[in-house]
Amino acid sequence: MSYFDAPPGQRVLREFTIRRDQSGRWLVAETPGSVNVLAFHSHDAAQRFALSEAEGDYNRVHFLPLQV
């Protein structure tokens, strides 16, 4: 569902965080604090997914440093 499909009072712009884990996978989670995290083998695949879910808005896709 896109931002415009929701009724005006329920419209929420979705944001995503991309980070790399210790195993080298790229993780994508909806911000803030989503329990669901998707893992990708490449940075490009993670970024493509996050951008498609954020409707192409780079300002809603954030990158975090390696988690140790």
C-alpha atoms as a PDB file:
ATOM      1  CA  MET A   1       0.000   0.000   0.000  1.00  0.00           C
ATOM      2  CA  SER A   2       1.370   3.386  -0.891  1.00  0.00           C
ATOM      3  CA  TYR A   3       1.074   6.615   1.044  1.00  0.00           C
ATOM      4  CA  PHE A   4      -1.717   7.762  -1.270  1.00  0.00           C
ATOM      5  CA  ASP A   5      -3.772   4.550  -0.934  1.00  0.00           C
ATOM      6  CA  ALA A   6      -4.376   5.130   2.776  1.00  0.00           C
ATOM      7  CA  PRO A   7      -7.112   7.457   4.024  1.00  0.00           C
ATOM      8  CA  PRO A   8      -5.762  10.983   4.760  1.00  0.00           C
ATOM      9  CA  GLY A   9      -5.839  10.514   8.553  1.00  0.00           C
ATOM     10  CA  GLN A  10      -3.826   7.291   8.322  1.00  0.00           C
ATOM     11  CA  ARG A  11      -1.087   8.313   5.891  1.00  0.00           C
ATOM     12  CA  VAL A  12       2.357   7.515   7.236  1.00  0.00           C
ATOM     13  CA  LEU A  13       5.554   7.966   5.265  1.00  0.00           C
ATOM     14  CA  ARG A  14       7.531   4.756   5.756  1.00  0.00           C
ATOM     15  CA  GLU A  15      11.252   5.002   6.482  1.00  0.00           C
ATOM     16  CA  PHE A  16      13.853   2.238   6.375  1.00  0.00           C
ATOM     17  CA  THR A  17      17.246   1.578   7.900  1.00  0.00           C
ATOM     18  CA  ILE A  18      19.925  -0.468   6.153  1.00  0.00           C
ATOM     19  CA  ARG A  19      22.870  -1.900   8.043  1.00  0.00           C
ATOM     20  CA  ARG A  20      25.388  -4.671   7.651  1.00  0.00           C
ATOM     21  CA  ASP A  21      25.632  -7.412  10.253  1.00  0.00           C
ATOM     22  CA  GLN A  22      28.715  -9.296  11.441  1.00  0.00           C
ATOM     23  CA  SER A  23      28.056 -12.084   8.923  1.00  0.00           C
ATOM     24  CA  GLY A  24      28.226  -9.656   6.009  1.00  0.00           C
ATOM     25  CA  ARG A  25      24.497  -9.659   5.238  1.00  0.00           C
ATOM     26  CA  TRP A  26      22.675  -6.408   4.540  1.00  0.00           C
ATOM     27  CA  LEU A  27      19.662  -5.953   6.816  1.00  0.00           C
ATOM     28  CA  VAL A  28      16.651  -3.764   6.081  1.00  0.00           C
ATOM     29  CA  ALA A  29      14.201  -2.757   8.812  1.00  0.00           C
ATOM     30  CA  GLU A  30      11.356  -0.298   8.808  1.00  0.00           C
ATOM     31  CA  THR A  31      12.094   2.652  11.075  1.00  0.00           C
ATOM     32  CA  PRO A  32      11.363   3.075  13.931  1.00  0.00           C
ATOM     33  CA  GLY A  33      11.934  -0.218  15.660  1.00  0.00           C
ATOM     34  CA  SER A  34      10.377  -2.766  13.350  1.00  0.00           C
ATOM     35  CA  VAL A  35      10.578  -6.333  14.575  1.00  0.00           C
ATOM     36  CA  ASN A  36      10.656  -7.628  11.000  1.00  0.00           C
ATOM     37  CA  VAL A  37      14.101  -7.466   9.420  1.00  0.00           C
ATOM     38  CA  LEU A  38      14.897  -8.702   5.922  1.00  0.00           C
ATOM     39  CA  ALA A  39      18.400  -9.925   5.019  1.00  0.00           C
ATOM     40  CA  PHE A  40      20.030  -9.478   1.606  1.00  0.00           C
ATOM     41  CA  HIS A  41      23.318 -10.737   0.170  1.00  0.00           C
ATOM     42  CA  SER A  42      24.207  -7.443  -1.486  1.00  0.00           C
ATOM     43  CA  HIS A  43      24.009  -3.770  -0.656  1.00  0.00           C
ATOM     44  CA  ASP A  44      22.360  -3.093  -4.026  1.00  0.00           C
ATOM     45  CA  ALA A  45      19.540  -5.570  -3.376  1.00  0.00           C
ATOM     46  CA  ALA A  46      18.897  -4.126   0.097  1.00  0.00           C
ATOM     47  CA  GLN A  47      18.898  -0.584  -1.251  1.00  0.00           C
ATOM     48  CA  ARG A  48      16.577  -1.463  -4.158  1.00  0.00           C
ATOM     49  CA  PHE A  49      14.098  -3.054  -1.770  1.00  0.00           C
ATOM     50  CA  ALA A  50      14.169  -0.166   0.716  1.00  0.00           C
ATOM     51  CA  LEU A  51      13.809   2.418  -2.047  1.00  0.00           C
ATOM     52  CA  SER A  52      10.897   0.589  -3.621  1.00  0.00           C
ATOM     53  CA  GLU A  53       9.132   0.427  -0.250  1.00  0.00           C
ATOM     54  CA  ALA A  54       9.931   4.129   0.392  1.00  0.00           C
ATOM     55  CA  GLU A  55       8.462   4.980  -3.032  1.00  0.00           C
ATOM     56  CA  GLY A  56      11.836   6.070  -4.403  1.00  0.00           C
ATOM     57  CA  ASP A  57      12.478   8.713  -1.732  1.00  0.00           C
ATOM     58  CA  TYR A  58      16.177   8.538  -0.781  1.00  0.00           C
ATOM     59  CA  ASN A  59      15.470  10.777   2.234  1.00  0.00           C
ATOM     60  CA  ARG A  60      13.510   7.939   3.831  1.00  0.00           C
ATOM     61  CA  VAL A  61      16.311   5.351   3.532  1.00  0.00           C
ATOM     62  CA  HIS A  62      19.020   5.547   6.196  1.00  0.00           C
ATOM     63  CA  PHE A  63      22.322   3.685   6.546  1.00  0.00           C
ATOM     64  CA  LEU A  64      23.882   2.617   9.829  1.00  0.00           C
ATOM     65  CA  PRO A  65      27.488   1.534  10.452  1.00  0.00           C
ATOM     66  CA  LEU A  66      28.484  -2.094  11.003  1.00  0.00           C
ATOM     67  CA  GLN A  67      26.970  -3.519  14.200  1.00  0.00           C
ATOM     68  CA  VAL A  68      29.581  -5.236  16.390  1.00  0.00           C
END
